[in-house]
């Protein structure tokens, strides 16, 4: 049987590239999506003015988070579309809050 020798041109400690660290913009985007998901969920069950106020706050937070996405981010175009979508949802929630009882 032949002896195999390990290749000598490999580094002694191969370096593993670090996994990408999410940027603040990525975190803001993700949090905004999470807030929008929460707002959409609350919308399904909101009946009182107080519940609609929670929906309004969640949509406002989602919009604020999307607005933090910088123009050089790959998510910027999506964030701009989502801002418009979320603003429409916010208008609906405000109308519903005005129409609901305490």
N, C-alpha and C. Protein backbone atom coordinates (compact mmCIF):
# COMPACT_ATOMS: atom_id res chain seq x y z
N UNK A 1 0.84 -1.20 0.00
CA UNK A 1 0.00 0.00 0.00
C UNK A 1 0.87 1.25 0.00
N UNK A 2 0.42 2.23 -0.84
CA UNK A 2 1.18 3.49 -0.92
C UNK A 2 0.79 4.43 0.21
N UNK A 3 1.76 5.11 0.71
CA UNK A 3 1.48 6.12 1.72
C UNK A 3 1.07 7.40 1.02
N UNK A 4 0.03 8.02 1.54
CA UNK A 4 -0.36 9.30 0.96
C UNK A 4 0.14 10.40 1.87
N UNK A 5 0.70 11.39 1.26
CA UNK A 5 1.18 12.52 2.05
C UNK A 5 0.23 13.68 1.83
N UNK A 6 -0.07 14.40 2.87
CA UNK A 6 -0.97 15.55 2.72
C UNK A 6 -0.32 16.61 1.85
N UNK A 7 -1.13 17.34 1.10
CA UNK A 7 -0.54 18.42 0.28
C UNK A 7 0.11 19.46 1.18
N UNK A 8 1.21 19.97 0.72
CA UNK A 8 1.97 20.91 1.56
C UNK A 8 1.61 22.37 1.29
N UNK A 9 0.81 22.61 0.27
CA UNK A 9 0.51 24.02 -0.05
C UNK A 9 -0.74 24.54 0.67
N UNK A 10 -1.31 23.76 1.58
CA UNK A 10 -2.48 24.23 2.32
C UNK A 10 -2.04 24.97 3.58
N UNK A 11 -2.79 26.01 3.96
CA UNK A 11 -2.43 26.71 5.21
C UNK A 11 -2.66 25.78 6.40
N UNK A 12 -1.88 25.99 7.42
CA UNK A 12 -1.98 25.16 8.62
C UNK A 12 -3.36 25.31 9.27
N UNK A 13 -3.83 26.52 9.35
CA UNK A 13 -5.16 26.78 9.93
C UNK A 13 -6.03 27.42 8.86
N UNK A 14 -6.80 26.63 8.14
CA UNK A 14 -7.63 27.24 7.10
C UNK A 14 -8.63 28.21 7.73
N UNK A 15 -8.75 29.36 7.14
CA UNK A 15 -9.65 30.37 7.71
C UNK A 15 -11.04 30.19 7.12
N UNK A 16 -12.00 30.24 7.98
CA UNK A 16 -13.40 30.17 7.57
C UNK A 16 -13.89 31.60 7.45
N UNK A 17 -14.43 31.96 6.29
CA UNK A 17 -14.89 33.35 6.17
C UNK A 17 -16.00 33.63 7.19
N UNK A 18 -15.96 34.79 7.80
CA UNK A 18 -16.99 35.09 8.80
C UNK A 18 -18.36 35.20 8.13
N UNK A 19 -19.38 34.80 8.84
CA UNK A 19 -20.72 34.95 8.27
C UNK A 19 -21.05 36.44 8.28
N UNK A 20 -21.79 36.88 7.27
CA UNK A 20 -22.07 38.32 7.20
C UNK A 20 -22.85 38.79 8.42
N UNK A 21 -22.42 39.89 8.95
CA UNK A 21 -23.07 40.47 10.12
C UNK A 21 -24.18 41.39 9.61
N UNK A 22 -25.41 41.19 10.08
CA UNK A 22 -26.48 42.06 9.59
C UNK A 22 -26.19 43.52 9.97
N UNK A 23 -26.42 44.40 9.05
CA UNK A 23 -26.21 45.82 9.31
C UNK A 23 -27.42 46.38 10.05
N UNK A 24 -27.27 47.60 10.54
CA UNK A 24 -28.41 48.26 11.18
C UNK A 24 -29.57 48.38 10.21
N UNK A 25 -29.25 48.66 8.94
CA UNK A 25 -30.30 48.80 7.92
C UNK A 25 -31.07 47.49 7.76
N UNK A 26 -30.33 46.37 7.77
CA UNK A 26 -30.99 45.06 7.67
C UNK A 26 -31.89 44.83 8.88
N UNK A 27 -31.38 45.19 10.05
CA UNK A 27 -32.18 45.02 11.27
C UNK A 27 -33.42 45.91 11.24
N UNK A 28 -33.25 47.17 10.81
CA UNK A 28 -34.39 48.08 10.72
C UNK A 28 -35.44 47.54 9.76
N UNK A 29 -34.98 47.03 8.62
CA UNK A 29 -35.90 46.49 7.62
C UNK A 29 -36.65 45.30 8.21
N UNK A 30 -35.92 44.39 8.85
CA UNK A 30 -36.53 43.19 9.43
C UNK A 30 -37.53 43.58 10.52
N UNK A 31 -37.16 44.54 11.36
CA UNK A 31 -38.07 44.98 12.43
C UNK A 31 -39.31 45.63 11.84
N UNK A 32 -39.14 46.37 10.75
CA UNK A 32 -40.27 47.01 10.10
C UNK A 32 -41.23 45.96 9.54
N UNK A 33 -40.67 44.93 8.93
CA UNK A 33 -41.51 43.83 8.42
C UNK A 33 -42.24 43.14 9.57
N UNK A 34 -41.53 42.94 10.67
CA UNK A 34 -42.15 42.31 11.84
C UNK A 34 -43.29 43.17 12.38
N UNK A 35 -43.08 44.49 12.42
CA UNK A 35 -44.14 45.40 12.89
C UNK A 35 -45.34 45.36 11.94
N UNK A 36 -45.07 45.32 10.65
CA UNK A 36 -46.15 45.27 9.66
C UNK A 36 -46.94 43.97 9.82
N UNK A 37 -46.24 42.89 10.06
CA UNK A 37 -46.91 41.60 10.27
C UNK A 37 -47.79 41.67 11.51
N UNK A 38 -47.25 42.30 12.55
CA UNK A 38 -48.02 42.47 13.80
C UNK A 38 -49.25 43.35 13.54
N UNK A 39 -49.06 44.44 12.81
CA UNK A 39 -50.17 45.35 12.51
C UNK A 39 -51.25 44.64 11.71
N UNK A 40 -50.83 43.86 10.71
CA UNK A 40 -51.79 43.13 9.89
C UNK A 40 -52.56 42.13 10.74
N UNK A 41 -51.87 41.48 11.65
CA UNK A 41 -52.51 40.51 12.53
C UNK A 41 -53.51 41.20 13.46
N UNK A 42 -53.11 42.33 14.03
CA UNK A 42 -54.01 43.08 14.92
C UNK A 42 -55.24 43.59 14.17
N UNK A 43 -55.05 43.93 12.89
CA UNK A 43 -56.15 44.44 12.06
C UNK A 43 -57.27 43.40 11.97
N UNK A 44 -56.88 42.12 11.96
CA UNK A 44 -57.86 41.04 11.80
C UNK A 44 -58.86 40.98 12.96
N UNK A 45 -58.43 41.42 14.14
CA UNK A 45 -59.28 41.25 15.32
C UNK A 45 -59.71 42.57 15.96
N UNK A 46 -59.20 43.69 15.47
CA UNK A 46 -59.50 44.99 16.09
C UNK A 46 -60.98 45.35 15.92
N UNK A 47 -61.59 45.73 17.04
CA UNK A 47 -62.99 46.18 16.99
C UNK A 47 -63.19 47.47 17.77
N UNK A 48 -62.38 47.67 18.82
CA UNK A 48 -62.55 48.87 19.65
C UNK A 48 -61.56 49.96 19.21
N UNK A 49 -61.87 51.17 19.63
CA UNK A 49 -60.98 52.30 19.32
C UNK A 49 -59.58 52.04 19.86
N UNK A 50 -59.50 51.50 21.06
CA UNK A 50 -58.20 51.20 21.68
C UNK A 50 -57.41 50.18 20.85
N UNK A 51 -58.09 49.15 20.36
CA UNK A 51 -57.41 48.15 19.53
C UNK A 51 -56.95 48.75 18.21
N UNK A 52 -57.77 49.62 17.63
CA UNK A 52 -57.36 50.28 16.39
C UNK A 52 -56.18 51.20 16.63
N UNK A 53 -56.09 51.80 17.83
CA UNK A 53 -54.94 52.64 18.17
C UNK A 53 -53.66 51.80 18.16
N UNK A 54 -53.74 50.56 18.64
CA UNK A 54 -52.57 49.67 18.62
C UNK A 54 -52.16 49.36 17.17
N UNK A 55 -53.16 49.17 16.32
CA UNK A 55 -52.89 48.91 14.90
C UNK A 55 -52.19 50.12 14.28
N UNK A 56 -52.70 51.31 14.58
CA UNK A 56 -52.12 52.55 14.05
C UNK A 56 -50.65 52.68 14.47
N UNK A 57 -50.37 52.46 15.75
CA UNK A 57 -49.00 52.56 16.25
C UNK A 57 -48.09 51.56 15.53
N UNK A 58 -48.58 50.33 15.35
CA UNK A 58 -47.76 49.31 14.68
C UNK A 58 -47.46 49.70 13.23
N UNK A 59 -48.48 50.23 12.50
CA UNK A 59 -48.22 50.67 11.12
C UNK A 59 -47.24 51.84 11.10
N UNK A 60 -47.39 52.78 12.05
CA UNK A 60 -46.47 53.93 12.10
C UNK A 60 -45.04 53.46 12.36
N UNK A 61 -44.87 52.49 13.24
CA UNK A 61 -43.53 51.97 13.53
C UNK A 61 -42.96 51.24 12.31
N UNK A 62 -43.81 50.52 11.60
CA UNK A 62 -43.36 49.82 10.39
C UNK A 62 -42.90 50.83 9.33
N UNK A 63 -43.65 51.90 9.17
CA UNK A 63 -43.30 52.95 8.20
C UNK A 63 -41.98 53.61 8.59
N UNK A 64 -41.84 53.94 9.88
CA UNK A 64 -40.60 54.56 10.36
C UNK A 64 -39.40 53.66 10.10
N UNK A 65 -39.56 52.37 10.36
CA UNK A 65 -38.47 51.42 10.12
C UNK A 65 -38.11 51.34 8.64
N UNK A 66 -39.09 51.30 7.77
CA UNK A 66 -38.82 51.24 6.32
C UNK A 66 -38.11 52.51 5.84
N UNK A 67 -38.47 53.64 6.42
CA UNK A 67 -37.85 54.91 6.01
C UNK A 67 -36.37 54.96 6.37
N UNK A 68 -35.92 54.08 7.27
CA UNK A 68 -34.50 54.05 7.66
C UNK A 68 -33.65 53.28 6.65
N UNK A 69 -34.28 52.61 5.68
CA UNK A 69 -33.51 51.84 4.70
C UNK A 69 -32.75 52.82 3.80
N UNK A 70 -31.42 52.74 3.77
CA UNK A 70 -30.64 53.70 2.98
C UNK A 70 -30.78 53.43 1.47
N UNK A 71 -30.64 54.48 0.66
CA UNK A 71 -30.77 54.33 -0.81
C UNK A 71 -29.80 53.33 -1.42
N UNK A 72 -28.66 53.08 -0.77
CA UNK A 72 -27.68 52.13 -1.34
C UNK A 72 -27.96 50.69 -0.92
N UNK A 73 -29.02 50.47 -0.16
CA UNK A 73 -29.36 49.12 0.28
C UNK A 73 -30.06 48.35 -0.84
N UNK A 74 -29.78 47.05 -0.96
CA UNK A 74 -30.50 46.24 -1.95
C UNK A 74 -32.00 46.18 -1.66
N UNK A 75 -32.38 46.50 -0.42
CA UNK A 75 -33.80 46.45 -0.03
C UNK A 75 -34.50 47.80 -0.20
N UNK A 76 -33.77 48.80 -0.70
CA UNK A 76 -34.33 50.16 -0.76
C UNK A 76 -35.60 50.22 -1.63
N UNK A 77 -35.56 49.63 -2.80
CA UNK A 77 -36.71 49.69 -3.71
C UNK A 77 -37.94 49.05 -3.07
N UNK A 78 -37.72 47.90 -2.45
CA UNK A 78 -38.83 47.22 -1.76
C UNK A 78 -39.35 48.09 -0.62
N UNK A 79 -38.42 48.70 0.13
CA UNK A 79 -38.83 49.51 1.27
C UNK A 79 -39.72 50.67 0.83
N UNK A 80 -39.39 51.27 -0.32
CA UNK A 80 -40.19 52.39 -0.82
C UNK A 80 -41.61 51.93 -1.19
N UNK A 81 -41.71 50.75 -1.78
CA UNK A 81 -43.02 50.19 -2.11
C UNK A 81 -43.81 49.88 -0.84
N UNK A 82 -43.12 49.34 0.14
CA UNK A 82 -43.77 48.98 1.40
C UNK A 82 -44.26 50.22 2.15
N UNK A 83 -43.51 51.32 2.07
CA UNK A 83 -43.93 52.55 2.74
C UNK A 83 -45.30 52.98 2.21
N UNK A 84 -45.47 52.95 0.90
CA UNK A 84 -46.75 53.33 0.29
C UNK A 84 -47.86 52.37 0.74
N UNK A 85 -47.54 51.09 0.70
CA UNK A 85 -48.52 50.06 1.12
C UNK A 85 -48.91 50.26 2.58
N UNK A 86 -47.92 50.47 3.44
CA UNK A 86 -48.17 50.63 4.87
C UNK A 86 -48.95 51.92 5.15
N UNK A 87 -48.66 52.98 4.37
CA UNK A 87 -49.38 54.24 4.58
C UNK A 87 -50.87 54.06 4.24
N UNK A 88 -51.15 53.29 3.20
CA UNK A 88 -52.55 53.00 2.86
C UNK A 88 -53.23 52.21 3.98
N UNK A 89 -52.51 51.25 4.53
CA UNK A 89 -53.05 50.47 5.65
C UNK A 89 -53.26 51.34 6.88
N UNK A 90 -52.35 52.29 7.09
CA UNK A 90 -52.46 53.22 8.21
C UNK A 90 -53.72 54.09 8.05
N UNK A 91 -53.96 54.58 6.84
CA UNK A 91 -55.17 55.39 6.58
C UNK A 91 -56.43 54.59 6.92
N UNK A 92 -56.44 53.34 6.48
CA UNK A 92 -57.59 52.46 6.77
C UNK A 92 -57.79 52.31 8.28
N UNK A 93 -56.69 52.08 9.00
CA UNK A 93 -56.77 51.89 10.45
C UNK A 93 -57.28 53.16 11.14
N UNK A 94 -56.85 54.33 10.65
CA UNK A 94 -57.32 55.59 11.24
C UNK A 94 -58.81 55.78 11.00
N UNK A 95 -59.27 55.44 9.81
CA UNK A 95 -60.71 55.52 9.51
C UNK A 95 -61.49 54.57 10.40
N UNK A 96 -60.98 53.37 10.55
CA UNK A 96 -61.65 52.37 11.38
C UNK A 96 -61.68 52.82 12.85
N UNK A 97 -60.61 53.44 13.31
CA UNK A 97 -60.56 53.93 14.69
C UNK A 97 -61.60 55.03 14.89
N UNK A 98 -61.75 55.90 13.89
CA UNK A 98 -62.73 56.99 13.99
C UNK A 98 -64.15 56.45 14.04
N UNK A 99 -64.38 55.34 13.34
CA UNK A 99 -65.73 54.77 13.28
C UNK A 99 -66.06 53.85 14.45
N UNK A 100 -65.05 53.41 15.18
CA UNK A 100 -65.31 52.42 16.25
C UNK A 100 -65.65 53.11 17.56
N UNK A 101 -66.27 52.32 18.42
CA UNK A 101 -66.65 52.82 19.75
C UNK A 101 -65.51 52.58 20.72
N UNK A 102 -65.60 53.28 21.82
CA UNK A 102 -64.56 53.16 22.85
C UNK A 102 -64.35 51.73 23.28
